[in-house]
Protein backbone atom coordinates (compact mmCIF):
# COMPACT_ATOMS: atom_id res chain seq x y z
CA MET A 1 -74.45 -7.72 16.60
CA THR A 2 -72.35 -8.94 13.54
CA ARG A 3 -68.48 -8.19 14.27
CA ILE A 4 -66.14 -7.80 10.89
CA ILE A 5 -62.44 -8.55 11.34
CA LEU A 6 -60.95 -5.90 8.64
CA VAL A 7 -57.28 -6.94 7.51
CA ARG A 8 -54.31 -5.48 4.95
CA HIS A 9 -52.74 -8.03 2.81
CA GLY A 10 -49.04 -9.00 3.72
CA GLN A 11 -46.26 -7.66 2.66
CA THR A 12 -45.34 -7.42 -1.34
CA ALA A 13 -42.29 -6.90 -2.94
CA TRP A 14 -43.54 -3.22 -4.18
CA ASN A 15 -44.36 -2.12 -0.26
CA VAL A 16 -40.50 -2.09 0.14
CA GLY A 17 -39.58 -1.43 -3.48
CA ALA A 18 -37.78 -4.47 -4.32
CA PRO A 19 -36.45 -5.54 -6.13
CA SER A 20 -35.26 -2.23 -7.53
CA ALA A 21 -33.68 0.71 -5.58
CA GLU A 22 -37.04 3.03 -6.56
CA GLY A 23 -38.63 2.60 -3.09
CA GLU A 24 -42.31 1.94 -3.09
CA ARG A 25 -44.36 1.50 -6.01
CA PHE A 26 -48.23 2.38 -6.51
CA ARG A 27 -49.90 -1.07 -6.67
CA GLY A 28 -53.22 -0.37 -7.41
CA ARG A 29 -55.17 -3.30 -9.20
CA VAL A 30 -51.28 -4.98 -10.81
CA ASP A 31 -51.98 -8.64 -9.39
CA LEU A 32 -48.81 -8.90 -7.00
CA PRO A 33 -48.19 -11.99 -5.01
CA LEU A 34 -46.98 -11.86 -0.69
CA ASP A 35 -43.53 -11.80 -0.33
CA GLU A 36 -41.32 -14.18 1.87
CA ARG A 37 -42.22 -11.73 5.32
CA GLY A 38 -46.19 -10.62 3.69
CA ARG A 39 -46.35 -14.67 4.02
CA ALA A 40 -44.63 -14.65 7.06
CA GLN A 41 -47.60 -12.23 7.98
CA ALA A 42 -50.54 -14.21 6.66
CA LEU A 43 -49.64 -17.39 9.36
CA ALA A 44 -48.93 -15.31 11.80
CA LEU A 45 -52.32 -13.87 11.25
CA ALA A 46 -53.66 -17.15 11.03
CA LYS A 47 -52.44 -18.04 14.65
CA ARG A 48 -53.93 -14.87 15.97
CA LEU A 49 -57.35 -15.85 14.55
CA ALA A 50 -56.78 -19.62 15.19
CA ASP A 51 -59.90 -19.14 18.00
CA GLU A 52 -62.42 -16.81 16.47
CA PRO A 53 -65.65 -18.16 15.55
CA ILE A 54 -65.52 -16.75 11.85
CA ALA A 55 -68.62 -17.83 9.79
CA ALA A 56 -66.62 -16.86 6.45
CA ILE A 57 -64.03 -15.39 4.13
CA TYR A 58 -63.90 -12.27 1.71
CA ALA A 59 -61.04 -10.78 0.01
CA SER A 60 -60.40 -8.41 -2.65
CA PRO A 61 -60.04 -10.81 -5.72
CA LEU A 62 -56.18 -9.77 -6.07
CA GLN A 63 -53.95 -12.58 -5.03
CA ARG A 64 -52.00 -10.27 -2.11
CA ALA A 65 -55.44 -10.56 -0.33
CA ILE A 66 -56.63 -14.12 -0.91
CA GLU A 67 -53.03 -15.26 -0.30
CA THR A 68 -53.58 -13.39 2.96
CA ALA A 69 -56.84 -15.15 3.84
CA GLU A 70 -55.53 -18.50 2.96
CA PRO A 71 -53.82 -19.73 6.37
CA THR A 72 -56.78 -18.54 8.27
CA ALA A 73 -59.21 -20.30 5.98
CA ARG A 74 -57.58 -23.57 5.59
CA GLN A 75 -56.76 -24.29 9.71
CA LEU A 76 -61.13 -23.04 9.68
CA GLY A 77 -61.88 -25.17 7.80
CA LEU A 78 -63.80 -22.37 5.24
CA THR A 79 -62.89 -21.16 1.89
CA VAL A 80 -61.72 -17.51 0.83
CA GLN A 81 -64.43 -16.08 -1.32
CA PRO A 82 -63.48 -13.48 -4.05
CA LEU A 83 -65.67 -9.31 -2.86
CA GLU A 84 -64.86 -7.35 -5.94
CA GLY A 85 -66.31 -4.10 -4.44
CA ILE A 86 -63.23 -4.14 -1.97
CA ILE A 87 -60.64 -4.46 -4.87
CA ASP A 88 -57.61 -1.82 -4.41
CA ILE A 89 -57.64 1.63 -5.67
CA ASN A 90 -56.98 2.16 -9.62
CA TYR A 91 -54.13 4.44 -9.66
CA GLY A 92 -54.79 5.18 -13.50
CA ASP A 93 -51.11 6.02 -14.54
CA TRP A 94 -49.99 6.55 -11.45
CA GLN A 95 -49.89 2.15 -11.40
CA GLU A 96 -47.15 0.37 -10.84
CA HIS A 97 -44.68 3.47 -10.84
CA PRO A 98 -42.27 4.62 -8.03
CA HIS A 99 -43.64 7.26 -5.77
CA SER A 100 -40.64 9.51 -6.75
CA GLU A 101 -41.50 8.93 -10.25
CA VAL A 102 -45.05 10.55 -9.53
CA ALA A 103 -43.95 12.87 -7.73
CA ARG A 104 -41.43 14.44 -10.34
CA LEU A 105 -44.00 13.21 -13.31
CA TYR A 106 -46.92 14.91 -11.48
CA PRO A 107 -45.19 17.21 -9.17
CA SER A 108 -48.48 19.77 -7.90
CA LEU A 109 -51.29 16.39 -8.14
CA TYR A 110 -49.02 14.20 -5.55
CA ARG A 111 -48.10 17.33 -3.45
CA GLN A 112 -52.27 17.39 -3.27
CA TRP A 113 -51.94 13.66 -2.77
CA LEU A 114 -49.82 13.71 0.70
CA GLN A 115 -51.96 16.97 2.10
CA GLU A 116 -55.52 16.46 0.28
CA PRO A 117 -56.02 13.62 -0.81
CA HIS A 118 -59.72 13.03 -0.61
CA LEU A 119 -59.48 16.11 -3.07
CA VAL A 120 -57.51 14.09 -6.01
CA ARG A 121 -58.03 11.86 -8.61
CA PRO A 122 -54.99 10.18 -10.63
CA PRO A 123 -55.39 10.48 -14.31
CA GLY A 124 -57.24 7.40 -15.79
CA GLY A 125 -57.89 6.05 -12.23
CA GLU A 126 -60.56 6.86 -9.24
CA GLY A 127 -60.75 8.92 -6.12
CA LEU A 128 -61.41 8.10 -3.05
CA GLU A 129 -65.14 8.50 -2.59
CA GLU A 130 -65.29 5.92 -5.49
CA VAL A 131 -63.67 3.17 -3.71
CA ARG A 132 -65.31 4.19 -0.32
CA GLY A 133 -68.68 4.18 -2.16
CA ARG A 134 -68.24 0.48 -3.56
CA ALA A 135 -66.06 -0.91 -0.87
CA MET A 136 -68.83 0.00 1.65
CA ALA A 137 -71.66 -1.48 -0.22
CA ALA A 138 -69.66 -4.64 -0.68
CA LEU A 139 -69.59 -4.41 3.50
CA TYR A 140 -72.83 -3.58 3.62
CA GLN A 141 -73.35 -6.51 1.43
CA VAL A 142 -71.81 -9.35 3.47
CA THR A 143 -72.76 -7.94 6.91
CA GLY A 144 -76.47 -8.62 5.47
CA CYS A 145 -75.68 -12.08 4.73
CA HIS A 146 -74.24 -12.97 8.47
CA GLN A 147 -76.43 -11.12 11.45
CA ASP A 148 -74.81 -12.45 14.48
CA GLN A 149 -71.83 -13.49 12.72
CA THR A 150 -68.03 -12.79 12.69
CA ILE A 151 -66.65 -12.12 9.58
CA LEU A 152 -63.09 -11.99 8.13
CA VAL A 153 -62.71 -9.41 4.99
CA ALA A 154 -58.90 -9.08 3.53
CA ALA A 155 -58.11 -5.99 1.97
CA HIS A 156 -55.57 -3.14 0.65
CA GLN A 157 -54.62 0.08 2.33
CA VAL A 158 -56.36 2.18 0.72
CA VAL A 159 -59.79 0.24 0.90
CA ASN A 160 -59.21 0.00 4.75
CA LYS A 161 -58.50 3.90 5.47
CA VAL A 162 -61.59 4.93 3.79
CA LEU A 163 -63.53 2.11 4.84
CA VAL A 164 -62.20 2.89 8.63
CA CYS A 165 -62.85 6.87 8.34
CA ALA A 166 -66.61 5.22 7.43
CA MET A 167 -67.22 3.04 10.04
CA LEU A 168 -65.85 6.61 12.25
CA GLY A 169 -68.42 8.34 10.80
CA LEU A 170 -65.27 10.87 9.38
CA ASP A 171 -64.55 11.87 5.72
CA ASN A 172 -62.31 11.35 3.54
CA SER A 173 -60.55 14.06 4.25
CA HIS A 174 -58.90 11.77 7.28
CA PHE A 175 -57.57 9.30 5.11
CA TRP A 176 -53.75 10.13 6.45
CA ARG A 177 -54.52 9.96 9.83
CA ILE A 178 -55.79 6.27 9.82
CA ARG A 179 -52.81 3.91 9.70
CA GLN A 180 -53.14 0.23 8.53
CA ASP A 181 -49.86 -1.78 7.80
CA ASN A 182 -49.10 -5.01 6.20
CA GLY A 183 -50.43 -7.76 7.85
CA CYS A 184 -52.35 -5.51 10.22
CA LEU A 185 -56.29 -6.41 11.79
CA ASN A 186 -58.62 -3.89 12.77
CA ILE A 187 -61.94 -5.01 14.34
CA PHE A 188 -65.58 -3.56 14.65
CA ASP A 189 -68.91 -4.65 15.94
CA TYR A 190 -72.52 -3.62 13.57
CA GLN A 191 -75.16 -3.34 14.83
CA GLU A 192 -78.75 -1.70 13.49
CA GLY A 193 -76.96 0.58 11.79
CA VAL A 194 -73.68 1.33 14.00
CA PHE A 195 -70.22 0.47 14.03
CA THR A 196 -68.16 0.33 17.30
CA ALA A 197 -64.45 0.41 16.82
CA LEU A 198 -62.58 -2.64 18.91
CA LEU A 199 -59.13 -2.76 17.50
CA ILE A 200 -57.67 -0.75 14.77
CA ASN A 201 -54.15 -1.35 13.09
CA ASP A 202 -53.52 -3.98 15.32
CA THR A 203 -50.12 -5.54 14.37
CA CYS A 204 -49.13 -7.28 17.70
CA HIS A 205 -49.33 -11.31 16.28
CA LEU A 206 -46.28 -9.94 13.93
CA GLY A 207 -44.09 -8.79 16.86
């Protein structure tokens, strides 16, 4: 049995709309660092995982995911290994823009994103099914390398949502029913092709 500890990266300025007053922005492939709160969340996560027998740590190649995993890696004497397949969604033309602006420029498509996200592909970007395909392929790759071990995987909100849907046997229409807060962790066991959920969106360590 392989145990997967799937975490979402800590907070960045664009998660809360800072430094502008325009609100949260679509982040996607923009390589943002953690903000002060995000770094504190990464340290809290490391403290939470101090006694876990983690054999390997993988992260999206974007710095906000790597920075989230690094405190845990340091305390366990491990190296954070970039995993390209779990990089954040490509939001295309929506990337870098506030949600409010995208809602104004693409009213019908943005409304569909909130109601039927599995049917939306942002202009110039990728859809949830593409994200799910590459992220699950990456997850199967690393679980195959660590049978009967525990691994930590640090990724992004969209990636985690579709991964959780896939591991629960749900299609992407359930996207908005899966919550992934900054700095949260999810734990799944994987054995003989079956994923079993132990925790989803756990943030007790952030209290």
